[in-house]
N, C-alpha and C. Protein backbone atom coordinates (compact mmCIF):
# COMPACT_ATOMS: atom_id res chain seq x y z
N MET A 1 -64.20 -17.49 19.45
CA MET A 1 -62.88 -18.01 19.77
C MET A 1 -63.05 -19.36 20.49
N ASP A 2 -62.15 -20.25 20.24
CA ASP A 2 -62.15 -21.56 20.87
C ASP A 2 -62.03 -21.42 22.39
N ASP A 3 -62.82 -22.18 23.13
CA ASP A 3 -62.81 -22.10 24.60
C ASP A 3 -61.44 -22.45 25.18
N VAL A 4 -60.79 -23.45 24.61
CA VAL A 4 -59.47 -23.86 25.12
C VAL A 4 -58.45 -22.75 24.90
N LEU A 5 -58.47 -22.17 23.73
CA LEU A 5 -57.55 -21.07 23.42
C LEU A 5 -57.80 -19.88 24.34
N ALA A 6 -59.05 -19.56 24.58
CA ALA A 6 -59.39 -18.45 25.48
C ALA A 6 -58.87 -18.73 26.88
N GLU A 7 -59.00 -19.97 27.34
CA GLU A 7 -58.51 -20.34 28.68
C GLU A 7 -57.00 -20.23 28.76
N VAL A 8 -56.30 -20.70 27.73
CA VAL A 8 -54.83 -20.60 27.71
C VAL A 8 -54.40 -19.14 27.76
N ARG A 9 -55.04 -18.31 26.99
CA ARG A 9 -54.69 -16.88 26.97
C ARG A 9 -54.98 -16.22 28.31
N ARG A 10 -56.08 -16.60 28.96
CA ARG A 10 -56.42 -16.05 30.27
C ARG A 10 -55.37 -16.44 31.30
N ILE A 11 -54.96 -17.70 31.29
CA ILE A 11 -53.93 -18.18 32.23
C ILE A 11 -52.60 -17.50 31.95
N ARG A 12 -52.23 -17.38 30.68
CA ARG A 12 -50.98 -16.72 30.32
C ARG A 12 -50.96 -15.27 30.79
N GLU A 13 -52.07 -14.58 30.61
CA GLU A 13 -52.17 -13.18 31.03
C GLU A 13 -52.04 -13.07 32.56
N ALA A 14 -52.72 -13.94 33.28
CA ALA A 14 -52.64 -13.91 34.75
C ALA A 14 -51.23 -14.23 35.23
N TYR A 15 -50.57 -15.18 34.59
CA TYR A 15 -49.20 -15.55 34.96
C TYR A 15 -48.25 -14.38 34.72
N GLY A 16 -48.41 -13.71 33.60
CA GLY A 16 -47.58 -12.55 33.30
C GLY A 16 -47.80 -11.43 34.29
N GLU A 17 -49.05 -11.19 34.67
CA GLU A 17 -49.37 -10.14 35.63
C GLU A 17 -48.70 -10.39 36.98
N ARG A 18 -48.60 -11.67 37.38
CA ARG A 18 -47.96 -11.99 38.67
C ARG A 18 -46.54 -11.45 38.76
N PHE A 19 -45.88 -11.33 37.61
CA PHE A 19 -44.47 -10.91 37.58
C PHE A 19 -44.30 -9.56 36.89
N GLY A 20 -45.39 -8.82 36.73
CA GLY A 20 -45.31 -7.52 36.07
C GLY A 20 -44.81 -7.63 34.65
N PHE A 21 -45.06 -8.75 34.02
CA PHE A 21 -44.64 -9.04 32.65
C PHE A 21 -43.12 -8.91 32.47
N ASP A 22 -42.39 -9.14 33.57
CA ASP A 22 -40.92 -9.11 33.55
C ASP A 22 -40.44 -10.50 33.12
N LEU A 23 -39.89 -10.59 31.90
CA LEU A 23 -39.50 -11.89 31.36
C LEU A 23 -38.42 -12.56 32.19
N ALA A 24 -37.49 -11.79 32.74
CA ALA A 24 -36.44 -12.38 33.58
C ALA A 24 -37.06 -13.02 34.82
N ALA A 25 -38.04 -12.37 35.43
CA ALA A 25 -38.70 -12.92 36.62
C ALA A 25 -39.52 -14.16 36.26
N ILE A 26 -40.19 -14.12 35.13
CA ILE A 26 -40.97 -15.28 34.68
C ILE A 26 -40.04 -16.45 34.44
N PHE A 27 -38.92 -16.20 33.76
CA PHE A 27 -37.96 -17.26 33.47
C PHE A 27 -37.41 -17.85 34.76
N GLU A 28 -37.09 -17.01 35.73
CA GLU A 28 -36.57 -17.50 37.02
C GLU A 28 -37.61 -18.36 37.73
N ASP A 29 -38.87 -17.98 37.66
CA ASP A 29 -39.93 -18.78 38.28
C ASP A 29 -40.03 -20.15 37.62
N ILE A 30 -39.92 -20.19 36.30
CA ILE A 30 -39.96 -21.46 35.58
C ILE A 30 -38.78 -22.33 35.99
N ARG A 31 -37.59 -21.72 36.06
CA ARG A 31 -36.39 -22.48 36.46
C ARG A 31 -36.55 -23.03 37.88
N GLU A 32 -37.12 -22.24 38.77
CA GLU A 32 -37.33 -22.69 40.15
C GLU A 32 -38.30 -23.88 40.18
N LYS A 33 -39.34 -23.82 39.39
CA LYS A 33 -40.29 -24.93 39.33
C LYS A 33 -39.61 -26.19 38.78
N GLU A 34 -38.69 -26.02 37.82
CA GLU A 34 -37.95 -27.16 37.30
C GLU A 34 -37.09 -27.78 38.40
N ARG A 35 -36.41 -26.93 39.19
CA ARG A 35 -35.57 -27.45 40.28
C ARG A 35 -36.41 -28.17 41.33
N GLU A 36 -37.56 -27.61 41.65
CA GLU A 36 -38.44 -28.23 42.65
C GLU A 36 -39.03 -29.54 42.14
N GLY A 37 -39.14 -29.69 40.83
CA GLY A 37 -39.75 -30.88 40.25
C GLY A 37 -38.93 -32.13 40.44
N GLY A 38 -37.63 -31.97 40.71
CA GLY A 38 -36.79 -33.12 40.97
C GLY A 38 -36.33 -33.86 39.73
N HIS A 39 -36.68 -33.39 38.56
CA HIS A 39 -36.25 -34.04 37.33
C HIS A 39 -34.85 -33.54 36.97
N VAL A 40 -34.06 -34.41 36.38
CA VAL A 40 -32.74 -34.03 35.93
C VAL A 40 -32.85 -33.49 34.51
N HIS A 41 -32.36 -32.28 34.30
CA HIS A 41 -32.38 -31.67 32.97
C HIS A 41 -30.97 -31.73 32.40
N VAL A 42 -30.88 -32.26 31.22
CA VAL A 42 -29.58 -32.45 30.58
C VAL A 42 -29.53 -31.59 29.32
N THR A 43 -28.41 -30.91 29.14
CA THR A 43 -28.18 -30.16 27.91
C THR A 43 -27.04 -30.84 27.17
N LEU A 44 -27.33 -31.32 25.99
CA LEU A 44 -26.33 -32.02 25.19
C LEU A 44 -25.69 -31.06 24.20
N PRO A 45 -24.43 -31.29 23.85
CA PRO A 45 -23.80 -30.44 22.85
C PRO A 45 -24.43 -30.69 21.48
N PRO A 46 -24.38 -29.71 20.60
CA PRO A 46 -24.96 -29.92 19.27
C PRO A 46 -24.22 -31.02 18.52
N ARG A 47 -24.97 -31.77 17.73
CA ARG A 47 -24.37 -32.82 16.91
C ARG A 47 -23.94 -32.23 15.58
N ARG A 48 -22.83 -32.73 15.08
CA ARG A 48 -22.37 -32.28 13.78
C ARG A 48 -23.14 -33.02 12.70
N ILE A 49 -23.46 -32.31 11.65
CA ILE A 49 -24.17 -32.90 10.53
C ILE A 49 -23.15 -33.56 9.61
N VAL A 50 -23.37 -34.82 9.32
CA VAL A 50 -22.48 -35.55 8.43
C VAL A 50 -23.22 -35.76 7.12
N PRO A 51 -22.74 -35.13 6.04
CA PRO A 51 -23.45 -35.30 4.76
C PRO A 51 -23.39 -36.75 4.28
N THR A 52 -24.49 -37.20 3.75
CA THR A 52 -24.55 -38.58 3.24
C THR A 52 -24.38 -38.62 1.73
N VAL A 53 -24.46 -37.46 1.07
CA VAL A 53 -24.33 -37.38 -0.39
C VAL A 53 -23.40 -36.23 -0.71
N ASP A 54 -22.50 -36.43 -1.67
CA ASP A 54 -21.64 -35.35 -2.12
C ASP A 54 -22.46 -34.36 -2.94
N VAL A 55 -22.49 -33.11 -2.50
CA VAL A 55 -23.23 -32.07 -3.21
C VAL A 55 -22.21 -31.03 -3.66
N PRO A 56 -22.12 -30.78 -4.97
CA PRO A 56 -21.16 -29.77 -5.44
C PRO A 56 -21.55 -28.38 -4.93
N LEU A 57 -20.55 -27.65 -4.44
CA LEU A 57 -20.78 -26.30 -3.95
C LEU A 57 -20.73 -25.31 -5.09
N GLY A 58 -21.48 -24.23 -4.96
CA GLY A 58 -21.44 -23.17 -5.96
C GLY A 58 -22.27 -23.44 -7.19
N VAL A 59 -23.17 -24.37 -7.13
CA VAL A 59 -24.00 -24.68 -8.29
C VAL A 59 -25.31 -23.95 -8.18
């Protein structure tokens, strides 16, 4: 196995163990780290797709 991949898996396993593999707790920890980081996170609304070519429907 690749050394880098093995290291990533080891870190992921240890991180999961810290929270009892509780995804809600892991997610909250990530969100807290984002808040502490001081970066502004922006969520934009989805953009509408504007077709550039007329495509007949039902073909």
